[in-house]
Amino acid sequence: MQFTLEIPDEMAQSLESQKENIPQILALGLREITANPSMGFSSLIEILEFLAKLPSPQEILELRLSEQLQTEIDTLLDKNRSQELSDSDRSLWQHYEFIEHLVRLAKAQALLKLHQST
């Protein structure tokens, strides 16, 4: 399908070097826009907002994926087992891995704080 739109010159200049990545950029942008933050931590922004509230170590340790996000991850895992991931799927997977890394670091620090206070 062909799609035409007008964008600001500044954005066009930024996209010029990313022409081949525009479908991936759009796919990731749509996923971010349509993510439902009330269903859990579906992006880095929600994780950072959660951590910015300075939760207690116990709250950090209790942090879990939403059902929706777990389903998305399971879908990507299944897709990876049965076929090769697309570029946008691979990028999304890397996004989830980065978020998981941040949460693991926060949980490790929270566990250390709990052990130090006992």
C-alpha atoms as a PDB file:
ATOM      1  CA  MET A   1       0.000   0.000   0.000  1.00  0.00           C
ATOM      2  CA  GLN A   2       1.219   3.468  -0.783  1.00  0.00           C
ATOM      3  CA  PHE A   3       0.722   6.192   1.802  1.00  0.00           C
ATOM      4  CA  THR A   4       1.473   9.894   1.357  1.00  0.00           C
ATOM      5  CA  LEU A   5       1.734  12.424   4.157  1.00  0.00           C
ATOM      6  CA  GLU A   6       3.207  15.838   4.798  1.00  0.00           C
ATOM      7  CA  ILE A   7       5.763  16.200   7.562  1.00  0.00           C
ATOM      8  CA  PRO A   8       7.815  19.156   8.800  1.00  0.00           C
ATOM      9  CA  ASP A   9      11.075  19.810   6.936  1.00  0.00           C
ATOM     10  CA  GLU A  10      13.096  19.118  10.079  1.00  0.00           C
ATOM     11  CA  MET A  11      11.577  15.658  10.419  1.00  0.00           C
ATOM     12  CA  ALA A  12      12.047  14.970   6.707  1.00  0.00           C
ATOM     13  CA  GLN A  13      15.744  15.762   7.039  1.00  0.00           C
ATOM     14  CA  SER A  14      16.049  13.405   9.999  1.00  0.00           C
ATOM     15  CA  LEU A  15      14.264  10.650   8.113  1.00  0.00           C
ATOM     16  CA  GLU A  16      16.330  11.101   4.955  1.00  0.00           C
ATOM     17  CA  SER A  17      19.125   8.918   6.311  1.00  0.00           C
ATOM     18  CA  GLN A  18      16.579   6.401   7.639  1.00  0.00           C
ATOM     19  CA  LYS A  19      14.545   5.802   4.477  1.00  0.00           C
ATOM     20  CA  GLU A  20      14.938   2.029   4.626  1.00  0.00           C
ATOM     21  CA  ASN A  21      13.843   1.991   8.292  1.00  0.00           C
ATOM     22  CA  ILE A  22      10.639   4.023   7.888  1.00  0.00           C
ATOM     23  CA  PRO A  23       8.315   0.958   8.015  1.00  0.00           C
ATOM     24  CA  GLN A  24      10.038  -0.185  11.218  1.00  0.00           C
ATOM     25  CA  ILE A  25       9.920   3.326  12.694  1.00  0.00           C
ATOM     26  CA  LEU A  26       6.187   3.537  11.983  1.00  0.00           C
ATOM     27  CA  ALA A  27       5.540   0.054  13.412  1.00  0.00           C
ATOM     28  CA  LEU A  28       7.379   0.842  16.645  1.00  0.00           C
ATOM     29  CA  GLY A  29       5.715   4.241  16.912  1.00  0.00           C
ATOM     30  CA  LEU A  30       2.283   2.681  16.498  1.00  0.00           C
ATOM     31  CA  ARG A  31       3.055   0.105  19.178  1.00  0.00           C
ATOM     32  CA  GLU A  32       4.080   2.853  21.588  1.00  0.00           C
ATOM     33  CA  ILE A  33       1.040   4.989  20.842  1.00  0.00           C
ATOM     34  CA  THR A  34      -1.414   2.119  21.158  1.00  0.00           C
ATOM     35  CA  ALA A  35       0.194   0.628  24.273  1.00  0.00           C
ATOM     36  CA  ASN A  36      -2.176   0.678  27.209  1.00  0.00           C
ATOM     37  CA  PRO A  37      -0.205   1.981  30.193  1.00  0.00           C
ATOM     38  CA  SER A  38      -2.947   0.994  32.619  1.00  0.00           C
ATOM     39  CA  MET A  39      -2.327  -2.646  31.739  1.00  0.00           C
ATOM     40  CA  GLY A  40       1.241  -2.614  33.034  1.00  0.00           C
ATOM     41  CA  PHE A  41       4.726  -1.538  32.082  1.00  0.00           C
ATOM     42  CA  SER A  42       4.633  -1.671  28.307  1.00  0.00           C
ATOM     43  CA  SER A  43       7.445   0.764  27.660  1.00  0.00           C
ATOM     44  CA  LEU A  44      10.529   2.307  29.117  1.00  0.00           C
ATOM     45  CA  ILE A  45       8.609   5.454  30.055  1.00  0.00           C
ATOM     46  CA  GLU A  46       6.348   3.576  32.471  1.00  0.00           C
ATOM     47  CA  ILE A  47       9.321   1.858  34.113  1.00  0.00           C
ATOM     48  CA  LEU A  48      11.116   5.157  34.551  1.00  0.00           C
ATOM     49  CA  GLU A  49       7.972   6.802  35.941  1.00  0.00           C
ATOM     50  CA  PHE A  50       7.555   3.926  38.394  1.00  0.00           C
ATOM     51  CA  LEU A  51      11.165   4.180  39.551  1.00  0.00           C
ATOM     52  CA  ALA A  52      11.001   7.982  39.715  1.00  0.00           C
ATOM     53  CA  LYS A  53       8.322   7.646  42.408  1.00  0.00           C
ATOM     54  CA  LEU A  54      11.035   6.089  44.585  1.00  0.00           C
ATOM     55  CA  PRO A  55       9.092   2.928  45.412  1.00  0.00           C
ATOM     56  CA  SER A  56      10.036   0.904  48.442  1.00  0.00           C
ATOM     57  CA  PRO A  57      12.332  -2.090  47.959  1.00  0.00           C
ATOM     58  CA  GLN A  58       9.318  -4.340  48.529  1.00  0.00           C
ATOM     59  CA  GLU A  59       7.305  -2.567  45.812  1.00  0.00           C
ATOM     60  CA  ILE A  60      10.191  -3.002  43.390  1.00  0.00           C
ATOM     61  CA  LEU A  61      10.460  -6.707  44.169  1.00  0.00           C
ATOM     62  CA  GLU A  62       6.701  -7.107  43.605  1.00  0.00           C
ATOM     63  CA  LEU A  63       6.857  -5.483  40.165  1.00  0.00           C
ATOM     64  CA  ARG A  64       5.493  -7.899  37.531  1.00  0.00           C
ATOM     65  CA  LEU A  65       4.656  -7.805  33.854  1.00  0.00           C
ATOM     66  CA  SER A  66       1.102  -7.078  32.903  1.00  0.00           C
ATOM     67  CA  GLU A  67      -0.827  -9.915  31.303  1.00  0.00           C
ATOM     68  CA  GLN A  68      -0.931  -7.956  28.036  1.00  0.00           C
ATOM     69  CA  LEU A  69       2.825  -7.423  27.959  1.00  0.00           C
ATOM     70  CA  GLN A  70       3.506 -11.048  28.875  1.00  0.00           C
ATOM     71  CA  THR A  71       1.272 -12.095  25.985  1.00  0.00           C
ATOM     72  CA  GLU A  72       3.210  -9.821  23.598  1.00  0.00           C
ATOM     73  CA  ILE A  73       6.508 -11.312  24.761  1.00  0.00           C
ATOM     74  CA  ASP A  74       5.168 -14.869  24.495  1.00  0.00           C
ATOM     75  CA  THR A  75       3.964 -14.103  20.965  1.00  0.00           C
ATOM     76  CA  LEU A  76       7.413 -12.840  19.987  1.00  0.00           C
ATOM     77  CA  LEU A  77       9.046 -15.923  21.523  1.00  0.00           C
ATOM     78  CA  ASP A  78       6.686 -18.243  19.632  1.00  0.00           C
ATOM     79  CA  LYS A  79       7.265 -16.328  16.414  1.00  0.00           C
ATOM     80  CA  ASN A  80      11.027 -16.558  16.920  1.00  0.00           C
ATOM     81  CA  ARG A  81      10.785 -20.335  17.368  1.00  0.00           C
ATOM     82  CA  SER A  82       8.702 -20.856  14.234  1.00  0.00           C
ATOM     83  CA  GLN A  83      10.151 -18.229  11.905  1.00  0.00           C
ATOM     84  CA  GLU A  84      12.635 -15.409  11.729  1.00  0.00           C
ATOM     85  CA  LEU A  85      11.648 -12.169  13.459  1.00  0.00           C
ATOM     86  CA  SER A  86      11.088  -9.106  11.286  1.00  0.00           C
ATOM     87  CA  ASP A  87      13.263  -6.052  11.846  1.00  0.00           C
ATOM     88  CA  SER A  88      10.518  -4.323  13.829  1.00  0.00           C
ATOM     89  CA  ASP A  89       9.958  -7.463  15.944  1.00  0.00           C
ATOM     90  CA  ARG A  90      13.696  -7.721  16.609  1.00  0.00           C
ATOM     91  CA  SER A  91      13.808  -4.074  17.613  1.00  0.00           C
ATOM     92  CA  LEU A  92      10.818  -4.552  19.912  1.00  0.00           C
ATOM     93  CA  TRP A  93      12.502  -7.597  21.455  1.00  0.00           C
ATOM     94  CA  GLN A  94      15.635  -5.523  22.132  1.00  0.00           C
ATOM     95  CA  HIS A  95      13.428  -2.864  23.732  1.00  0.00           C
ATOM     96  CA  TYR A  96      11.919  -5.489  26.046  1.00  0.00           C
ATOM     97  CA  GLU A  97      15.360  -6.898  26.878  1.00  0.00           C
ATOM     98  CA  PHE A  98      16.600  -3.439  27.850  1.00  0.00           C
ATOM     99  CA  ILE A  99      13.579  -2.852  30.081  1.00  0.00           C
ATOM    100  CA  GLU A 100      14.046  -6.270  31.676  1.00  0.00           C
ATOM    101  CA  HIS A 101      17.695  -5.415  32.364  1.00  0.00           C
ATOM    102  CA  LEU A 102      16.702  -2.178  34.117  1.00  0.00           C
ATOM    103  CA  VAL A 103      14.094  -3.965  36.224  1.00  0.00           C
ATOM    104  CA  ARG A 104      16.561  -6.695  37.193  1.00  0.00           C
ATOM    105  CA  LEU A 105      19.075  -4.060  38.310  1.00  0.00           C
ATOM    106  CA  ALA A 106      16.399  -2.303  40.356  1.00  0.00           C
ATOM    107  CA  LYS A 107      15.297  -5.596  41.924  1.00  0.00           C
ATOM    108  CA  ALA A 108      18.877  -6.569  42.781  1.00  0.00           C
ATOM    109  CA  GLN A 109      19.391  -3.217  44.511  1.00  0.00           C
ATOM    110  CA  ALA A 110      16.063  -3.556  46.313  1.00  0.00           C
ATOM    111  CA  LEU A 111      17.002  -7.017  47.570  1.00  0.00           C
ATOM    112  CA  LEU A 112      20.357  -5.701  48.830  1.00  0.00           C
ATOM    113  CA  LYS A 113      18.587  -2.893  50.694  1.00  0.00           C
ATOM    114  CA  LEU A 114      16.172  -5.337  52.312  1.00  0.00           C
ATOM    115  CA  HIS A 115      19.017  -7.603  53.439  1.00  0.00           C
ATOM    116  CA  GLN A 116      21.008  -4.648  54.802  1.00  0.00           C
ATOM    117  CA  SER A 117      18.044  -3.432  56.851  1.00  0.00           C
ATOM    118  CA  THR A 118      17.549  -6.791  58.591  1.00  0.00           C
END
